[in-house]
Amino acid sequence: MTAGLELIRKESGWGRADLAYAVSYPLLTNESGAKFGKTAAGTSVWLDPLRTSPFRFYQYWLDADDRDVGKYLRTFTLFDRARIENLEAQQTAHRRLA
C-alpha cells in the first residue's frame, strides 16, 4: 500500500497527488486466532444469494462462537456502542446472541 502511494505521489499527473490515500484494517480473527475472511477455509459467506443461500447466510452467523459475536457486531453492523455492550451483558448472563 505504501509503495503504491509513493508511486502515485511521484508519478501522478493529477496535479494533486496529496489526495491519494491508503486504508488498512487489522486482520479480523476469531477467538481461537483463526483468520476470518473469504479465503479462510469454511468461512466464505457472500451477500449474493447465488453464492451463499439465505439459509446458509443465516446459519453461518447463528453458528458463530458467542465469544466472537461482540467483535462481529462492532465490525459488520451500525449498532452503537451502548447497544452492543447491552447485548454482550445479556450474553454474559448466558443468553445466546447469534
PDB file of N, CA and C in Angstrom:
ATOM      1  N   MET A   1       0.816  -1.180   0.000  1.00  0.00           N
ATOM      2  CA  MET A   1       0.000   0.000   0.000  1.00  0.00           C
ATOM      3  C   MET A   1       0.868   1.255   0.000  1.00  0.00           C
ATOM      4  N   THR A   2       1.868   1.265   0.852  1.00  0.00           N
ATOM      5  CA  THR A   2       2.709   2.461   0.906  1.00  0.00           C
ATOM      6  C   THR A   2       3.518   2.630  -0.378  1.00  0.00           C
ATOM      7  N   ALA A   3       3.929   1.521  -0.985  1.00  0.00           N
ATOM      8  CA  ALA A   3       4.651   1.612  -2.257  1.00  0.00           C
ATOM      9  C   ALA A   3       3.735   2.187  -3.332  1.00  0.00           C
ATOM     10  N   GLY A   4       2.486   1.786  -3.338  1.00  0.00           N
ATOM     11  CA  GLY A   4       1.526   2.320  -4.295  1.00  0.00           C
ATOM     12  C   GLY A   4       1.296   3.805  -4.097  1.00  0.00           C
ATOM     13  N   LEU A   5       1.180   4.224  -2.850  1.00  0.00           N
ATOM     14  CA  LEU A   5       1.018   5.653  -2.566  1.00  0.00           C
ATOM     15  C   LEU A   5       2.228   6.448  -3.036  1.00  0.00           C
ATOM     16  N   GLU A   6       3.399   5.912  -2.762  1.00  0.00           N
ATOM     17  CA  GLU A   6       4.626   6.588  -3.169  1.00  0.00           C
ATOM     18  C   GLU A   6       4.689   6.728  -4.689  1.00  0.00           C
ATOM     19  N   LEU A   7       4.330   5.677  -5.397  1.00  0.00           N
ATOM     20  CA  LEU A   7       4.316   5.722  -6.861  1.00  0.00           C
ATOM     21  C   LEU A   7       3.331   6.777  -7.355  1.00  0.00           C
ATOM     22  N   ILE A   8       2.158   6.817  -6.778  1.00  0.00           N
ATOM     23  CA  ILE A   8       1.154   7.813  -7.168  1.00  0.00           C
ATOM     24  C   ILE A   8       1.696   9.220  -6.946  1.00  0.00           C
ATOM     25  N   ARG A   9       2.303   9.412  -5.810  1.00  0.00           N
ATOM     26  CA  ARG A   9       2.797  10.751  -5.487  1.00  0.00           C
ATOM     27  C   ARG A   9       3.957  11.177  -6.385  1.00  0.00           C
ATOM     28  N   LYS A  10       4.796  10.232  -6.771  1.00  0.00           N
ATOM     29  CA  LYS A  10       5.940  10.565  -7.629  1.00  0.00           C
ATOM     30  C   LYS A  10       5.545  10.729  -9.085  1.00  0.00           C
ATOM     31  N   GLU A  11       4.643   9.880  -9.563  1.00  0.00           N
ATOM     32  CA  GLU A  11       4.341   9.821 -10.991  1.00  0.00           C
ATOM     33  C   GLU A  11       2.990  10.424 -11.361  1.00  0.00           C
ATOM     34  N   SER A  12       2.321  11.020 -10.399  1.00  0.00           N
ATOM     35  CA  SER A  12       0.957  11.480 -10.648  1.00  0.00           C
ATOM     36  C   SER A  12       0.901  12.645 -11.621  1.00  0.00           C
ATOM     37  N   GLY A  13       0.016  12.522 -12.566  1.00  0.00           N
ATOM     38  CA  GLY A  13      -0.270  13.614 -13.473  1.00  0.00           C
ATOM     39  C   GLY A  13      -1.538  14.335 -13.032  1.00  0.00           C
ATOM     40  N   TRP A  14      -2.037  13.989 -11.854  1.00  0.00           N
ATOM     41  CA  TRP A  14      -3.285  14.561 -11.362  1.00  0.00           C
ATOM     42  C   TRP A  14      -3.137  16.013 -10.960  1.00  0.00           C
ATOM     43  N   GLY A  15      -1.927  16.401 -10.591  1.00  0.00           N
ATOM     44  CA  GLY A  15      -1.729  17.742 -10.076  1.00  0.00           C
ATOM     45  C   GLY A  15      -1.952  17.823  -8.573  1.00  0.00           C
ATOM     46  N   ARG A  16      -2.696  16.882  -8.021  1.00  0.00           N
ATOM     47  CA  ARG A  16      -2.966  16.858  -6.573  1.00  0.00           C
ATOM     48  C   ARG A  16      -2.716  15.447  -6.059  1.00  0.00           C
ATOM     49  N   ALA A  17      -1.460  15.026  -6.089  1.00  0.00           N
ATOM     50  CA  ALA A  17      -1.115  13.677  -5.640  1.00  0.00           C
ATOM     51  C   ALA A  17      -1.326  13.512  -4.150  1.00  0.00           C
ATOM     52  N   ASP A  18      -1.480  14.618  -3.416  1.00  0.00           N
ATOM     53  CA  ASP A  18      -1.719  14.514  -1.978  1.00  0.00           C
ATOM     54  C   ASP A  18      -3.118  13.984  -1.683  1.00  0.00           C
ATOM     55  N   LEU A  19      -3.937  13.780  -2.700  1.00  0.00           N
ATOM     56  CA  LEU A  19      -5.281  13.243  -2.499  1.00  0.00           C
ATOM     57  C   LEU A  19      -5.321  11.719  -2.528  1.00  0.00           C
ATOM     58  N   ALA A  20      -4.184  11.076  -2.696  1.00  0.00           N
ATOM     59  CA  ALA A  20      -4.130   9.613  -2.692  1.00  0.00           C
ATOM     60  C   ALA A  20      -3.985   9.128  -1.254  1.00  0.00           C
ATOM     61  N   TYR A  21      -4.785   8.137  -0.871  1.00  0.00           N
ATOM     62  CA  TYR A  21      -4.774   7.593   0.482  1.00  0.00           C
ATOM     63  C   TYR A  21      -4.795   6.066   0.434  1.00  0.00           C
ATOM     64  N   ALA A  22      -4.352   5.465   1.498  1.00  0.00           N
ATOM     65  CA  ALA A  22      -4.463   4.019   1.684  1.00  0.00           C
ATOM     66  C   ALA A  22      -5.100   3.784   3.046  1.00  0.00           C
ATOM     67  N   VAL A  23      -5.939   2.765   3.108  1.00  0.00           N
ATOM     68  CA  VAL A  23      -6.608   2.431   4.352  1.00  0.00           C
ATOM     69  C   VAL A  23      -6.264   1.002   4.710  1.00  0.00           C
ATOM     70  N   SER A  24      -5.930   0.799   5.959  1.00  0.00           N
ATOM     71  CA  SER A  24      -5.601  -0.536   6.447  1.00  0.00           C
ATOM     72  C   SER A  24      -6.475  -0.843   7.653  1.00  0.00           C
ATOM     73  N   TYR A  25      -6.848  -2.092   7.772  1.00  0.00           N
ATOM     74  CA  TYR A  25      -7.677  -2.531   8.895  1.00  0.00           C
ATOM     75  C   TYR A  25      -7.037  -3.778   9.477  1.00  0.00           C
ATOM     76  N   PRO A  26      -6.991  -3.888  10.808  1.00  0.00           N
ATOM     77  CA  PRO A  26      -6.382  -5.087  11.393  1.00  0.00           C
ATOM     78  C   PRO A  26      -7.086  -6.361  10.918  1.00  0.00           C
ATOM     79  N   LEU A  27      -6.328  -7.415  10.770  1.00  0.00           N
ATOM     80  CA  LEU A  27      -6.875  -8.701  10.364  1.00  0.00           C
ATOM     81  C   LEU A  27      -7.909  -9.145  11.391  1.00  0.00           C
ATOM     82  N   LEU A  28      -9.062  -9.529  10.916  1.00  0.00           N
ATOM     83  CA  LEU A  28     -10.130  -9.989  11.790  1.00  0.00           C
ATOM     84  C   LEU A  28      -9.941 -11.474  12.043  1.00  0.00           C
ATOM     85  N   THR A  29      -9.861 -11.846  13.301  1.00  0.00           N
ATOM     86  CA  THR A  29      -9.679 -13.247  13.686  1.00  0.00           C
ATOM     87  C   THR A  29     -10.781 -13.646  14.648  1.00  0.00           C
ATOM     88  N   ASN A  30     -10.983 -14.956  14.773  1.00  0.00           N
ATOM     89  CA  ASN A  30     -11.943 -15.431  15.754  1.00  0.00           C
ATOM     90  C   ASN A  30     -11.241 -15.620  17.096  1.00  0.00           C
ATOM     91  N   GLU A  31     -11.970 -16.082  18.072  1.00  0.00           N
ATOM     92  CA  GLU A  31     -11.425 -16.208  19.428  1.00  0.00           C
ATOM     93  C   GLU A  31     -10.224 -17.141  19.493  1.00  0.00           C
ATOM     94  N   SER A  32     -10.173 -18.133  18.614  1.00  0.00           N
ATOM     95  CA  SER A  32      -9.048 -19.067  18.624  1.00  0.00           C
ATOM     96  C   SER A  32      -7.850 -18.545  17.820  1.00  0.00           C
ATOM     97  N   GLY A  33      -8.008 -17.360  17.188  1.00  0.00           N
ATOM     98  CA  GLY A  33      -6.920 -16.773  16.430  1.00  0.00           C
ATOM     99  C   GLY A  33      -6.936 -17.104  14.953  1.00  0.00           C
ATOM    100  N   ALA A  34      -7.914 -17.895  14.511  1.00  0.00           N
ATOM    101  CA  ALA A  34      -8.011 -18.246  13.093  1.00  0.00           C
ATOM    102  C   ALA A  34      -8.507 -17.048  12.290  1.00  0.00           C
ATOM    103  N   LYS A  35      -8.001 -16.910  11.080  1.00  0.00           N
ATOM    104  CA  LYS A  35      -8.347 -15.808  10.196  1.00  0.00           C
ATOM    105  C   LYS A  35      -9.817 -15.872   9.780  1.00  0.00           C
ATOM    106  N   PHE A  36     -10.452 -14.725   9.773  1.00  0.00           N
ATOM    107  CA  PHE A  36     -11.811 -14.597   9.278  1.00  0.00           C
ATOM    108  C   PHE A  36     -11.720 -13.976   7.895  1.00  0.00           C
ATOM    109  N   GLY A  37     -12.303 -14.597   6.903  1.00  0.00           N
ATOM    110  CA  GLY A  37     -12.272 -13.994   5.579  1.00  0.00           C
ATOM    111  C   GLY A  37     -12.669 -14.964   4.504  1.00  0.00           C
ATOM    112  N   LYS A  38     -12.845 -14.406   3.307  1.00  0.00           N
ATOM    113  CA  LYS A  38     -13.320 -15.236   2.204  1.00  0.00           C
ATOM    114  C   LYS A  38     -12.310 -16.274   1.762  1.00  0.00           C
ATOM    115  N   THR A  39     -11.021 -16.095   2.096  1.00  0.00           N
ATOM    116  CA  THR A  39     -10.023 -17.074   1.690  1.00  0.00           C
ATOM    117  C   THR A  39      -9.764 -18.126   2.749  1.00  0.00           C
ATOM    118  N   ALA A  40     -10.303 -17.937   3.951  1.00  0.00           N
ATOM    119  CA  ALA A  40     -10.126 -18.930   5.008  1.00  0.00           C
ATOM    120  C   ALA A  40     -11.089 -20.089   4.760  1.00  0.00           C
ATOM    121  N   ALA A  41     -10.613 -21.285   4.922  1.00  0.00           N
ATOM    122  CA  ALA A  41     -11.428 -22.473   4.645  1.00  0.00           C
ATOM    123  C   ALA A  41     -12.695 -22.482   5.491  1.00  0.00           C
ATOM    124  N   GLY A  42     -13.829 -22.666   4.825  1.00  0.00           N
ATOM    125  CA  GLY A  42     -15.101 -22.789   5.523  1.00  0.00           C
ATOM    126  C   GLY A  42     -15.701 -21.482   5.997  1.00  0.00           C
ATOM    127  N   THR A  43     -15.064 -20.356   5.726  1.00  0.00           N
ATOM    128  CA  THR A  43     -15.618 -19.096   6.223  1.00  0.00           C
ATOM    129  C   THR A  43     -16.151 -18.207   5.114  1.00  0.00           C
ATOM    130  N   SER A  44     -16.256 -18.739   3.908  1.00  0.00           N
ATOM    131  CA  SER A  44     -16.778 -17.920   2.818  1.00  0.00           C
ATOM    132  C   SER A  44     -18.260 -17.683   3.008  1.00  0.00           C
ATOM    133  N   VAL A  45     -18.632 -16.439   3.080  1.00  0.00           N
ATOM    134  CA  VAL A  45     -20.035 -16.062   3.170  1.00  0.00           C
ATOM    135  C   VAL A  45     -20.197 -14.819   2.293  1.00  0.00           C
ATOM    136  N   TRP A  46     -21.201 -14.869   1.438  1.00  0.00           N
ATOM    137  CA  TRP A  46     -21.400 -13.800   0.472  1.00  0.00           C
ATOM    138  C   TRP A  46     -22.783 -13.195   0.647  1.00  0.00           C
ATOM    139  N   LEU A  47     -22.931 -11.929   0.266  1.00  0.00           N
ATOM    140  CA  LEU A  47     -24.246 -11.297   0.283  1.00  0.00           C
ATOM    141  C   LEU A  47     -25.074 -11.715  -0.924  1.00  0.00           C
ATOM    142  N   ASP A  48     -24.421 -12.216  -1.950  1.00  0.00           N
ATOM    143  CA  ASP A  48     -25.090 -12.665  -3.172  1.00  0.00           C
ATOM    144  C   ASP A  48     -25.770 -14.012  -2.919  1.00  0.00           C
ATOM    145  N   PRO A  49     -27.106 -14.093  -3.037  1.00  0.00           N
ATOM    146  CA  PRO A  49     -27.795 -15.361  -2.770  1.00  0.00           C
ATOM    147  C   PRO A  49     -27.430 -16.480  -3.737  1.00  0.00           C
ATOM    148  N   LEU A  50     -26.794 -16.142  -4.868  1.00  0.00           N
ATOM    149  CA  LEU A  50     -26.339 -17.188  -5.777  1.00  0.00           C
ATOM    150  C   LEU A  50     -25.053 -17.844  -5.264  1.00  0.00           C
ATOM    151  N   ARG A  51     -24.325 -17.172  -4.403  1.00  0.00           N
ATOM    152  CA  ARG A  51     -23.079 -17.716  -3.856  1.00  0.00           C
ATOM    153  C   ARG A  51     -23.285 -18.284  -2.455  1.00  0.00           C
ATOM    154  N   THR A  52     -24.163 -17.671  -1.676  1.00  0.00           N
ATOM    155  CA  THR A  52     -24.497 -18.160  -0.333  1.00  0.00           C
ATOM    156  C   THR A  52     -26.006 -18.049  -0.189  1.00  0.00           C
ATOM    157  N   SER A  53     -26.669 -19.173   0.009  1.00  0.00           N
ATOM    158  CA  SER A  53     -28.123 -19.140   0.134  1.00  0.00           C
ATOM    159  C   SER A  53     -28.513 -18.360   1.395  1.00  0.00           C
ATOM    160  N   PRO A  54     -29.706 -17.775   1.412  1.00  0.00           N
ATOM    161  CA  PRO A  54     -30.147 -17.064   2.616  1.00  0.00           C
ATOM    162  C   PRO A  54     -30.092 -17.952   3.860  1.00  0.00           C
ATOM    163  N   PHE A  55     -30.463 -19.230   3.719  1.00  0.00           N
ATOM    164  CA  PHE A  55     -30.388 -20.144   4.862  1.00  0.00           C
ATOM    165  C   PHE A  55     -28.952 -20.307   5.335  1.00  0.00           C
ATOM    166  N   ARG A  56     -28.031 -20.519   4.404  1.00  0.00           N
ATOM    167  CA  ARG A  56     -26.609 -20.691   4.749  1.00  0.00           C
ATOM    168  C   ARG A  56     -26.041 -19.429   5.393  1.00  0.00           C
ATOM    169  N   PHE A  57     -26.441 -18.266   4.879  1.00  0.00           N
ATOM    170  CA  PHE A  57     -26.007 -16.990   5.441  1.00  0.00           C
ATOM    171  C   PHE A  57     -26.465 -16.879   6.896  1.00  0.00           C
ATOM    172  N   TYR A  58     -27.748 -17.155   7.128  1.00  0.00           N
ATOM    173  CA  TYR A  58     -28.310 -17.121   8.473  1.00  0.00           C
ATOM    174  C   TYR A  58     -27.603 -18.130   9.374  1.00  0.00           C
ATOM    175  N   GLN A  59     -27.418 -19.341   8.884  1.00  0.00           N
ATOM    176  CA  GLN A  59     -26.784 -20.402   9.666  1.00  0.00           C
ATOM    177  C   GLN A  59     -25.338 -20.057  10.004  1.00  0.00           C
ATOM    178  N   TYR A  60     -24.648 -19.417   9.072  1.00  0.00           N
ATOM    179  CA  TYR A  60     -23.255 -19.021   9.310  1.00  0.00           C
ATOM    180  C   TYR A  60     -23.160 -18.147  10.558  1.00  0.00           C
ATOM    181  N   TRP A  61     -24.021 -17.139  10.638  1.00  0.00           N
ATOM    182  CA  TRP A  61     -23.961 -16.226  11.789  1.00  0.00           C
ATOM    183  C   TRP A  61     -24.519 -16.879  13.041  1.00  0.00           C
ATOM    184  N   LEU A  62     -25.486 -17.744  12.907  1.00  0.00           N
ATOM    185  CA  LEU A  62     -26.030 -18.454  14.061  1.00  0.00           C
ATOM    186  C   LEU A  62     -24.975 -19.371  14.673  1.00  0.00           C
ATOM    187  N   ASP A  63     -24.109 -19.942  13.830  1.00  0.00           N
ATOM    188  CA  ASP A  63     -23.065 -20.853  14.306  1.00  0.00           C
ATOM    189  C   ASP A  63     -21.831 -20.136  14.856  1.00  0.00           C
ATOM    190  N   ALA A  64     -21.799 -18.825  14.766  1.00  0.00           N
ATOM    191  CA  ALA A  64     -20.632 -18.077  15.255  1.00  0.00           C
ATOM    192  C   ALA A  64     -20.437 -18.327  16.746  1.00  0.00           C
ATOM    193  N   ASP A  65     -19.195 -18.452  17.138  1.00  0.00           N
ATOM    194  CA  ASP A  65     -18.859 -18.619  18.548  1.00  0.00           C
ATOM    195  C   ASP A  65     -19.325 -17.381  19.319  1.00  0.00           C
ATOM    196  N   ASP A  66     -20.003 -17.578  20.427  1.00  0.00           N
ATOM    197  CA  ASP A  66     -20.513 -16.449  21.216  1.00  0.00           C
ATOM    198  C   ASP A  66     -19.412 -15.476  21.605  1.00  0.00           C
ATOM    199  N   ARG A  67     -18.203 -15.956  21.798  1.00  0.00           N
ATOM    200  CA  ARG A  67     -17.102 -15.072  22.191  1.00  0.00           C
ATOM    201  C   ARG A  67     -16.739 -14.103  21.073  1.00  0.00           C
ATOM    202  N   ASP A  68     -17.119 -14.405  19.833  1.00  0.00           N
ATOM    203  CA  ASP A  68     -16.783 -13.560  18.686  1.00  0.00           C
ATOM    204  C   ASP A  68     -17.897 -12.582  18.306  1.00  0.00           C
ATOM    205  N   VAL A  69     -19.083 -12.770  18.824  1.00  0.00           N
ATOM    206  CA  VAL A  69     -20.234 -12.005  18.360  1.00  0.00           C
ATOM    207  C   VAL A  69     -20.068 -10.506  18.595  1.00  0.00           C
ATOM    208  N   GLY A  70     -19.564 -10.095  19.743  1.00  0.00           N
ATOM    209  CA  GLY A  70     -19.372  -8.668  20.008  1.00  0.00           C
ATOM    210  C   GLY A  70     -18.437  -8.035  18.991  1.00  0.00           C
ATOM    211  N   LYS A  71     -17.354  -8.725  18.671  1.00  0.00           N
ATOM    212  CA  LYS A  71     -16.398  -8.224  17.680  1.00  0.00           C
ATOM    213  C   LYS A  71     -17.062  -8.125  16.304  1.00  0.00           C
ATOM    214  N   TYR A  72     -17.853  -9.126  15.944  1.00  0.00           N
ATOM    215  CA  TYR A  72     -18.530  -9.110  14.650  1.00  0.00           C
ATOM    216  C   TYR A  72     -19.576  -7.992  14.593  1.00  0.00           C
ATOM    217  N   LEU A  73     -20.290  -7.774  15.690  1.00  0.00           N
ATOM    218  CA  LEU A  73     -21.275  -6.694  15.714  1.00  0.00           C
ATOM    219  C   LEU A  73     -20.590  -5.340  15.525  1.00  0.00           C
ATOM    220  N   ARG A  74     -19.442  -5.151  16.155  1.00  0.00           N
ATOM    221  CA  ARG A  74     -18.704  -3.887  16.001  1.00  0.00           C
ATOM    222  C   ARG A  74     -18.200  -3.704  14.569  1.00  0.00           C
ATOM    223  N   THR A  75     -17.854  -4.787  13.926  1.00  0.00           N
ATOM    224  CA  THR A  75     -17.270  -4.719  12.586  1.00  0.00           C
ATOM    225  C   THR A  75     -18.317  -4.663  11.489  1.00  0.00           C
ATOM    226  N   PHE A  76     -19.381  -5.451  11.612  1.00  0.00           N
ATOM    227  CA  PHE A  76     -20.302  -5.636  10.491  1.00  0.00           C
ATOM    228  C   PHE A  76     -21.667  -4.971  10.656  1.00  0.00           C
ATOM    229  N   THR A  77     -21.903  -4.264  11.744  1.00  0.00           N
ATOM    230  CA  THR A  77     -23.195  -3.593  11.920  1.00  0.00           C
ATOM    231  C   THR A  77     -22.982  -2.115  12.186  1.00  0.00           C
ATOM    232  N   LEU A  78     -24.061  -1.387  12.179  1.00  0.00           N
ATOM    233  CA  LEU A  78     -24.038   0.031  12.531  1.00  0.00           C
ATOM    234  C   LEU A  78     -24.593   0.253  13.928  1.00  0.00           C
ATOM    235  N   PHE A  79     -24.672  -0.819  14.735  1.00  0.00           N
ATOM    236  CA  PHE A  79     -25.158  -0.681  16.102  1.00  0.00           C
ATOM    237  C   PHE A  79     -24.242   0.257  16.874  1.00  0.00           C
ATOM    238  N   ASP A  80     -24.832   1.062  17.754  1.00  0.00           N
ATOM    239  CA  ASP A  80     -23.998   1.935  18.572  1.00  0.00           C
ATOM    240  C   ASP A  80     -23.381   1.144  19.723  1.00  0.00           C
ATOM    241  N   ARG A  81     -22.387   1.740  20.352  1.00  0.00           N
ATOM    242  CA  ARG A  81     -21.632   1.060  21.413  1.00  0.00           C
ATOM    243  C   ARG A  81     -22.542   0.577  22.544  1.00  0.00           C
ATOM    244  N   ALA A  82     -23.490   1.414  22.951  1.00  0.00           N
ATOM    245  CA  ALA A  82     -24.371   1.051  24.061  1.00  0.00           C
ATOM    246  C   ALA A  82     -25.181  -0.205  23.736  1.00  0.00           C
ATOM    247  N   ARG A  83     -25.683  -0.289  22.529  1.00  0.00           N
ATOM    248  CA  ARG A  83     -26.482  -1.456  22.140  1.00  0.00           C
ATOM    249  C   ARG A  83     -25.630  -2.723  22.148  1.00  0.00           C
ATOM    250  N   ILE A  84     -24.412  -2.643  21.621  1.00  0.00           N
ATOM    251  CA  ILE A  84     -23.534  -3.809  21.593  1.00  0.00           C
ATOM    252  C   ILE A  84     -23.151  -4.221  23.006  1.00  0.00           C
ATOM    253  N   GLU A  85     -22.843  -3.245  23.845  1.00  0.00           N
ATOM    254  CA  GLU A  85     -22.486  -3.564  25.233  1.00  0.00           C
ATOM    255  C   GLU A  85     -23.663  -4.181  25.972  1.00  0.00           C
ATOM    256  N   ASN A  86     -24.878  -3.732  25.670  1.00  0.00           N
ATOM    257  CA  ASN A  86     -26.069  -4.328  26.272  1.00  0.00           C
ATOM    258  C   ASN A  86     -26.218  -5.784  25.834  1.00  0.00           C
ATOM    259  N   LEU A  87     -26.004  -6.045  24.549  1.00  0.00           N
ATOM    260  CA  LEU A  87     -26.070  -7.419  24.055  1.00  0.00           C
ATOM    261  C   LEU A  87     -24.990  -8.294  24.684  1.00  0.00           C
ATOM    262  N   GLU A  88     -23.801  -7.741  24.859  1.00  0.00           N
ATOM    263  CA  GLU A  88     -22.721  -8.506  25.498  1.00  0.00           C
ATOM    264  C   GLU A  88     -23.048  -8.800  26.960  1.00  0.00           C
ATOM    265  N   ALA A  89     -23.716  -7.875  27.623  1.00  0.00           N
ATOM    266  CA  ALA A  89     -24.126  -8.114  29.010  1.00  0.00           C
ATOM    267  C   ALA A  89     -25.150  -9.245  29.078  1.00  0.00           C
ATOM    268  N   GLN A  90     -26.044  -9.276  28.108  1.00  0.00           N
ATOM    269  CA  GLN A  90     -27.011 -10.373  28.045  1.00  0.00           C
ATOM    270  C   GLN A  90     -26.300 -11.700  27.799  1.00  0.00           C
ATOM    271  N   GLN A  91     -25.282 -11.660  26.950  1.00  0.00           N
ATOM    272  CA  GLN A  91     -24.519 -12.868  26.668  1.00  0.00           C
ATOM    273  C   GLN A  91     -23.843 -13.368  27.942  1.00  0.00           C
ATOM    274  N   THR A  92     -23.301 -12.456  28.712  1.00  0.00           N
ATOM    275  CA  THR A  92     -22.646 -12.835  29.968  1.00  0.00           C
ATOM    276  C   THR A  92     -23.641 -13.512  30.904  1.00  0.00           C
ATOM    277  N   ALA A  93     -24.909 -13.122  30.772  1.00  0.00           N
ATOM    278  CA  ALA A  93     -25.970 -13.732  31.575  1.00  0.00           C
ATOM    279  C   ALA A  93     -26.427 -15.065  30.948  1.00  0.00           C
ATOM    280  N   HIS A  94     -25.592 -15.638  30.060  1.00  0.00           N
ATOM    281  CA  HIS A  94     -25.813 -16.960  29.457  1.00  0.00           C
ATOM    282  C   HIS A  94     -26.953 -16.996  28.452  1.00  0.00           C
ATOM    283  N   ARG A  95     -27.160 -15.908  27.770  1.00  0.00           N
ATOM    284  CA  ARG A  95     -28.125 -15.883  26.663  1.00  0.00           C
ATOM    285  C   ARG A  95     -27.339 -15.891  25.373  1.00  0.00           C
ATOM    286  N   ARG A  96     -27.834 -16.563  24.409  1.00  0.00           N
ATOM    287  CA  ARG A  96     -27.155 -16.660  23.112  1.00  0.00           C
ATOM    288  C   ARG A  96     -27.452 -15.416  22.274  1.00  0.00           C
ATOM    289  N   LEU A  97     -26.385 -14.740  21.782  1.00  0.00           N
ATOM    290  CA  LEU A  97     -26.551 -13.527  20.969  1.00  0.00           C
ATOM    291  C   LEU A  97     -26.928 -13.824  19.532  1.00  0.00           C
ATOM    292  N   ALA A  98     -26.237 -14.755  18.913  1.00  0.00           N
ATOM    293  CA  ALA A  98     -26.453 -15.003  17.492  1.00  0.00           C
ATOM    294  C   ALA A  98     -27.899 -15.358  17.260  1.00  0.00           C
TER     295      ALA A  98
END
